[in-house]
């Protein structure tokens, strides 16, 4: 059996990674933080790449791709700590609206003219909503009070949790990269700290956590795409392991940077704040642990190697 992601899917993600790396670096995050956290030029670039229409069906002007493709792009949004609400609008709301048969405005989403954002009762806020502003830990997210008509649809919850898990993977990867690069230039006792065994082990732990998290997230995306009865279980599993990997990456990166890691002068804090914000979004750790417990310990989902590909 072949369980690798198709090359064409990875090529699209690589193209998005290259584009975002050149247009949404740390200097952009600092400019947005200082001068207002939205820039129409950034959204226009995303529209030019066709990203708002990624999951919009072809007969509505989109690319008609699947949730796994969306998760791969959400990961890239996390890697650059993307400020614009691309993930919420294009990767969460589009498949939810399509599943509900509410297709009349999908074409406007594909062209970037309409940017709906999800409002779910499990969150105490709505990102980029129209209600009164709320303070949040992440300076690049605009939070508004949750509207009275917020949805409690389990599918919307699963989509939001899935895409936030994919973003958390990208955030963790970026923080690991920053820690590795800093370990090459910071010196103690006349040599780069990256050569010390303790540092190598700490960063290797993050790499291992990511190695375990990535396939769990991709599995969850495929399970939702396939409409499996166990899809919610896989989503909760993905959210848990992705959040754990991002927290470990942030803690380890801070320690590698030393006391500087806590300061505003080090770019790391943008990624850490986003990881903290998304870690608690779309269901707390306790919520997702309870869903996993109910399925596995409760006996509703068979486990063991003979069940892996059932």
Protein backbone atom coordinates (compact mmCIF):
# COMPACT_ATOMS: atom_id res chain seq x y z
CA UNK A 1 0.00 0.00 0.00
CA UNK A 2 1.15 3.57 -0.72
CA UNK A 3 0.46 6.13 2.00
CA UNK A 4 2.72 8.97 0.85
CA UNK A 5 1.21 12.34 -0.06
CA UNK A 6 0.97 12.75 -3.84
CA UNK A 7 3.85 14.82 -5.30
CA UNK A 8 1.52 17.35 -6.94
CA UNK A 9 0.02 18.18 -3.55
CA UNK A 10 3.47 18.76 -2.10
CA UNK A 11 4.47 20.87 -5.10
CA UNK A 12 1.57 23.23 -4.46
CA UNK A 13 2.49 23.51 -0.79
CA UNK A 14 6.14 24.13 -1.71
CA UNK A 15 5.11 26.91 -4.11
CA UNK A 16 3.02 28.55 -1.37
CA UNK A 17 5.90 28.19 1.09
CA UNK A 18 8.28 29.92 -1.32
CA UNK A 19 5.83 32.73 -1.97
CA UNK A 20 5.03 33.36 1.68
CA UNK A 21 8.69 33.22 2.69
CA UNK A 22 9.36 36.08 0.30
CA UNK A 23 6.35 38.22 1.20
CA UNK A 24 5.54 37.56 4.85
CA UNK A 25 8.78 37.47 6.80
CA UNK A 26 9.47 38.61 10.35
CA UNK A 27 9.94 42.20 9.21
CA UNK A 28 6.39 42.19 7.87
CA UNK A 29 5.07 40.87 11.18
CA UNK A 30 6.81 43.71 13.00
CA UNK A 31 5.41 46.28 10.59
CA UNK A 32 1.90 44.91 10.96
CA UNK A 33 2.22 44.84 14.74
CA UNK A 34 3.32 48.47 14.78
CA UNK A 35 1.04 49.94 12.12
CA UNK A 36 -2.16 47.90 12.20
CA UNK A 37 -2.29 44.18 11.65
CA UNK A 38 -3.85 44.09 8.20
CA UNK A 39 -2.39 45.05 4.82
CA UNK A 40 -4.61 44.86 1.71
CA UNK A 41 -1.54 44.12 -0.41
CA UNK A 42 -0.94 40.87 1.47
CA UNK A 43 -4.51 39.69 0.88
CA UNK A 44 -4.26 40.71 -2.79
CA UNK A 45 -1.18 38.52 -3.16
CA UNK A 46 -2.98 35.54 -1.64
CA UNK A 47 -5.88 36.10 -4.02
CA UNK A 48 -3.51 36.32 -6.99
CA UNK A 49 -2.16 32.89 -6.06
CA UNK A 50 -5.72 31.55 -6.00
CA UNK A 51 -5.55 30.48 -2.36
CA UNK A 52 -9.02 31.72 -1.26
CA UNK A 53 -10.49 29.43 -3.91
CA UNK A 54 -8.41 26.39 -3.01
CA UNK A 55 -11.36 24.33 -1.69
CA UNK A 56 -14.12 26.09 -3.63
CA UNK A 57 -15.66 23.67 -6.17
CA UNK A 58 -14.59 24.23 -9.76
CA UNK A 59 -18.13 25.04 -10.89
CA UNK A 60 -18.02 28.01 -8.50
CA UNK A 61 -14.71 29.34 -9.77
CA UNK A 62 -12.34 27.55 -7.41
CA UNK A 63 -9.70 24.85 -7.64
CA UNK A 64 -11.89 22.12 -6.15
CA UNK A 65 -9.16 20.58 -4.01
CA UNK A 66 -9.59 18.45 -0.89
CA UNK A 67 -9.18 18.97 2.85
CA UNK A 68 -5.74 17.39 2.82
CA UNK A 69 -4.62 20.06 0.36
CA UNK A 70 -6.12 22.66 2.64
CA UNK A 71 -4.30 21.25 5.66
CA UNK A 72 -0.99 21.41 3.78
CA UNK A 73 -1.61 25.09 3.01
CA UNK A 74 -2.72 25.80 6.60
CA UNK A 75 0.64 24.39 7.70
CA UNK A 76 2.38 26.93 5.47
CA UNK A 77 0.24 29.73 6.93
CA UNK A 78 1.47 28.65 10.34
CA UNK A 79 5.10 28.59 9.24
CA UNK A 80 4.98 32.32 8.45
CA UNK A 81 2.47 33.23 11.18
CA UNK A 82 0.15 34.57 8.48
CA UNK A 83 -1.83 37.56 9.71
CA UNK A 84 -4.64 37.46 7.12
CA UNK A 85 -7.64 35.18 7.90
CA UNK A 86 -6.99 32.85 4.98
CA UNK A 87 -7.30 29.66 6.99
CA UNK A 88 -10.57 30.61 8.69
CA UNK A 89 -12.17 31.96 5.54
CA UNK A 90 -10.93 29.67 2.78
CA UNK A 91 -10.12 26.44 4.57
CA UNK A 92 -12.73 26.28 7.35
CA UNK A 93 -15.74 28.22 6.10
CA UNK A 94 -15.65 27.05 2.46
CA UNK A 95 -15.98 23.30 3.16
CA UNK A 96 -18.53 23.99 5.88
CA UNK A 97 -20.71 26.15 3.61
CA UNK A 98 -20.37 23.63 0.78
CA UNK A 99 -21.42 20.76 3.08
CA UNK A 100 -24.51 22.75 4.07
CA UNK A 101 -25.40 23.47 0.46
CA UNK A 102 -24.88 27.21 0.98
CA UNK A 103 -23.01 27.76 -2.26
CA UNK A 104 -24.34 31.10 -3.42
CA UNK A 105 -21.30 33.08 -2.21
CA UNK A 106 -18.53 30.57 -2.81
CA UNK A 107 -17.55 32.31 -6.04
CA UNK A 108 -17.10 35.57 -4.13
CA UNK A 109 -14.85 33.78 -1.65
CA UNK A 110 -12.76 32.39 -4.50
CA UNK A 111 -12.16 35.88 -5.86
CA UNK A 112 -11.31 37.25 -2.44
CA UNK A 113 -14.26 39.66 -2.39
CA UNK A 114 -16.02 37.90 0.48
CA UNK A 115 -14.17 36.75 3.59
CA UNK A 116 -16.51 34.98 6.00
CA UNK A 117 -15.06 33.81 9.28
CA UNK A 118 -16.40 31.06 11.53
CA UNK A 119 -18.29 31.71 14.75
CA UNK A 120 -18.60 28.57 16.84
CA UNK A 121 -20.02 28.34 20.34
CA UNK A 122 -16.97 26.43 21.61
CA UNK A 123 -14.89 29.58 21.15
CA UNK A 124 -15.55 32.63 23.27
CA UNK A 125 -14.71 34.91 20.36
CA UNK A 126 -14.86 35.22 16.59
CA UNK A 127 -11.66 35.95 14.71
CA UNK A 128 -12.12 38.91 12.32
CA UNK A 129 -15.76 39.21 13.31
CA UNK A 130 -17.95 42.31 13.29
CA UNK A 131 -18.72 42.46 17.01
CA UNK A 132 -17.03 44.53 19.73
CA UNK A 133 -13.25 44.05 19.87
CA UNK A 134 -11.64 41.74 22.40
CA UNK A 135 -8.05 41.54 23.59
CA UNK A 136 -6.05 38.43 22.72
CA UNK A 137 -2.57 37.08 23.29
CA UNK A 138 -1.74 37.22 19.57
CA UNK A 139 -1.33 40.82 18.34
CA UNK A 140 -1.87 39.76 14.71
CA UNK A 141 -5.35 38.35 15.24
CA UNK A 142 -8.47 40.52 15.45
CA UNK A 143 -10.91 39.04 17.95
CA UNK A 144 -14.52 40.10 18.27
CA UNK A 145 -17.26 39.14 20.71
CA UNK A 146 -19.05 35.94 19.71
CA UNK A 147 -22.35 36.72 17.95
CA UNK A 148 -25.60 35.48 19.43
CA UNK A 149 -26.21 33.21 16.42
CA UNK A 150 -22.89 31.37 16.74
CA UNK A 151 -23.09 27.81 15.40
CA UNK A 152 -22.71 24.64 17.44
CA UNK A 153 -22.35 22.43 14.35
CA UNK A 154 -19.92 19.53 15.06
CA UNK A 155 -18.63 19.67 11.47
CA UNK A 156 -17.60 23.30 11.83
CA UNK A 157 -15.84 22.40 15.06
CA UNK A 158 -13.96 19.56 13.39
CA UNK A 159 -12.94 21.71 10.44
CA UNK A 160 -11.70 24.48 12.71
CA UNK A 161 -9.80 22.06 14.96
CA UNK A 162 -8.25 20.29 11.96
CA UNK A 163 -6.97 23.45 10.30
CA UNK A 164 -5.70 24.92 13.56
CA UNK A 165 -3.81 21.65 14.13
CA UNK A 166 -2.21 22.01 10.71
CA UNK A 167 -1.27 25.61 11.51
CA UNK A 168 0.24 24.46 14.82
CA UNK A 169 2.46 22.03 12.94
CA UNK A 170 3.75 24.86 10.76
CA UNK A 171 4.28 27.10 13.77
CA UNK A 172 6.28 24.38 15.51
CA UNK A 173 8.39 23.79 12.42
CA UNK A 174 9.19 27.49 12.18
CA UNK A 175 10.13 27.75 15.85
CA UNK A 176 12.36 24.70 15.53
CA UNK A 177 14.06 26.26 12.50
CA UNK A 178 14.66 29.50 14.41
CA UNK A 179 16.14 27.61 17.36
CA UNK A 180 18.44 25.57 15.11
CA UNK A 181 19.69 28.67 13.29
CA UNK A 182 20.32 30.53 16.54
CA UNK A 183 22.18 27.54 17.99
CA UNK A 184 24.65 27.85 15.12
CA UNK A 185 25.62 31.45 15.92
CA UNK A 186 25.31 31.68 19.70
CA UNK A 187 28.60 30.71 21.33
CA UNK A 188 29.58 29.54 24.78
CA UNK A 189 33.05 28.39 25.82
CA UNK A 190 34.31 29.40 22.40
CA UNK A 191 31.99 27.24 20.28
CA UNK A 192 28.42 27.32 18.94
CA UNK A 193 25.92 25.93 21.43
CA UNK A 194 24.47 23.76 18.69
CA UNK A 195 27.41 21.46 19.17
CA UNK A 196 26.46 20.70 22.78
CA UNK A 197 24.75 17.37 23.34
CA UNK A 198 22.07 18.85 25.61
CA UNK A 199 21.00 21.29 22.88
CA UNK A 200 21.02 18.58 20.24
CA UNK A 201 18.79 16.37 22.37
CA UNK A 202 16.37 19.20 23.14
CA UNK A 203 15.91 20.09 19.49
CA UNK A 204 15.78 16.43 18.48
CA UNK A 205 12.84 15.96 20.87
CA UNK A 206 10.95 18.67 18.99
CA UNK A 207 11.80 17.08 15.64
CA UNK A 208 10.51 13.71 16.89
CA UNK A 209 7.29 15.29 18.20
CA UNK A 210 6.71 16.84 14.78
CA UNK A 211 7.47 13.57 13.03
CA UNK A 212 4.68 11.96 15.04
CA UNK A 213 2.27 14.91 14.68
CA UNK A 214 2.35 15.43 10.92
CA UNK A 215 0.87 12.07 9.84
CA UNK A 216 -1.80 12.32 12.52
CA UNK A 217 -2.93 15.66 11.09
CA UNK A 218 -2.92 14.36 7.51
CA UNK A 219 -4.87 11.29 8.66
CA UNK A 220 -7.49 13.52 10.25
CA UNK A 221 -7.87 15.54 7.05
CA UNK A 222 -8.31 12.38 5.00
CA UNK A 223 -10.80 10.97 7.50
CA UNK A 224 -12.95 14.10 7.25
CA UNK A 225 -12.66 14.04 3.46
CA UNK A 226 -13.79 10.40 3.42
CA UNK A 227 -16.65 11.02 5.84
CA UNK A 228 -15.46 8.35 8.27
CA UNK A 229 -17.52 7.82 11.41
CA UNK A 230 -14.26 8.09 13.37
CA UNK A 231 -13.29 11.44 11.82
CA UNK A 232 -13.94 13.47 14.98
CA UNK A 233 -11.67 11.14 16.95
CA UNK A 234 -8.87 11.63 14.43
CA UNK A 235 -9.37 15.39 14.52
CA UNK A 236 -9.11 15.48 18.31
CA UNK A 237 -6.00 13.31 18.19
CA UNK A 238 -4.48 15.70 15.63
CA UNK A 239 -5.28 18.78 17.70
CA UNK A 240 -3.70 17.25 20.79
CA UNK A 241 -0.43 16.13 19.21
CA UNK A 242 -0.04 19.29 17.12
CA UNK A 243 -0.60 21.54 20.13
CA UNK A 244 1.86 19.48 22.20
CA UNK A 245 4.49 19.74 19.47
CA UNK A 246 4.04 23.50 19.18
CA UNK A 247 4.27 24.04 22.93
CA UNK A 248 7.42 21.91 23.11
CA UNK A 249 8.91 23.79 20.17
CA UNK A 250 8.21 27.14 21.82
CA UNK A 251 9.62 26.13 25.19
CA UNK A 252 12.72 24.61 23.62
CA UNK A 253 13.31 27.59 21.33
CA UNK A 254 13.12 29.96 24.29
CA UNK A 255 15.66 27.90 26.19
CA UNK A 256 18.02 27.81 23.21
CA UNK A 257 17.78 31.60 22.88
CA UNK A 258 18.37 32.05 26.61
CA UNK A 259 16.94 35.10 28.37
CA UNK A 260 16.69 36.86 24.99
CA UNK A 261 13.97 34.43 23.98
CA UNK A 262 11.47 36.24 26.17
CA UNK A 263 12.11 39.66 24.65
CA UNK A 264 10.28 41.55 21.93
CA UNK A 265 13.55 41.99 20.05
CA UNK A 266 13.61 38.28 19.19
CA UNK A 267 11.16 37.34 16.43
CA UNK A 268 10.25 34.07 18.14
CA UNK A 269 7.49 35.65 20.22
CA UNK A 270 5.16 36.11 17.24
CA UNK A 271 5.09 32.35 16.59
CA UNK A 272 4.80 31.50 20.26
CA UNK A 273 1.81 33.78 20.78
CA UNK A 274 0.04 32.30 17.77
CA UNK A 275 0.71 28.78 19.09
CA UNK A 276 -0.70 29.71 22.50
CA UNK A 277 -3.77 31.21 20.84
CA UNK A 278 -4.47 28.28 18.53
CA UNK A 279 -3.68 25.70 21.18
CA UNK A 280 -6.75 26.83 23.10
CA UNK A 281 -8.93 27.49 20.06
CA UNK A 282 -11.54 25.07 18.72
CA UNK A 283 -11.68 23.09 21.92
CA UNK A 284 -9.37 22.96 24.91
CA UNK A 285 -6.96 20.13 25.59
CA UNK A 286 -9.45 18.74 28.08
CA UNK A 287 -12.24 18.77 25.49
CA UNK A 288 -10.22 16.83 22.93
CA UNK A 289 -8.86 14.42 25.54
CA UNK A 290 -12.42 13.63 26.57
CA UNK A 291 -13.37 12.90 22.96
CA UNK A 292 -10.41 10.55 22.58
CA UNK A 293 -11.12 8.89 25.94
CA UNK A 294 -14.78 8.36 25.08
CA UNK A 295 -13.86 6.65 21.81
CA UNK A 296 -10.88 4.59 22.92
CA UNK A 297 -11.30 3.87 26.63
CA UNK A 298 -15.06 3.84 26.26
CA UNK A 299 -14.73 1.06 23.71
CA UNK A 300 -16.35 2.82 20.80
CA UNK A 301 -13.18 2.68 18.68
CA UNK A 302 -11.13 -0.49 18.37
CA UNK A 303 -7.39 -0.07 18.81
CA UNK A 304 -4.35 -2.21 18.12
CA UNK A 305 -2.12 -2.83 15.11
CA UNK A 306 -4.71 -5.01 13.40
CA UNK A 307 -7.08 -2.00 13.39
CA UNK A 308 -4.64 0.56 11.96
CA UNK A 309 -5.96 0.41 8.42
CA UNK A 310 -9.48 -0.76 9.17
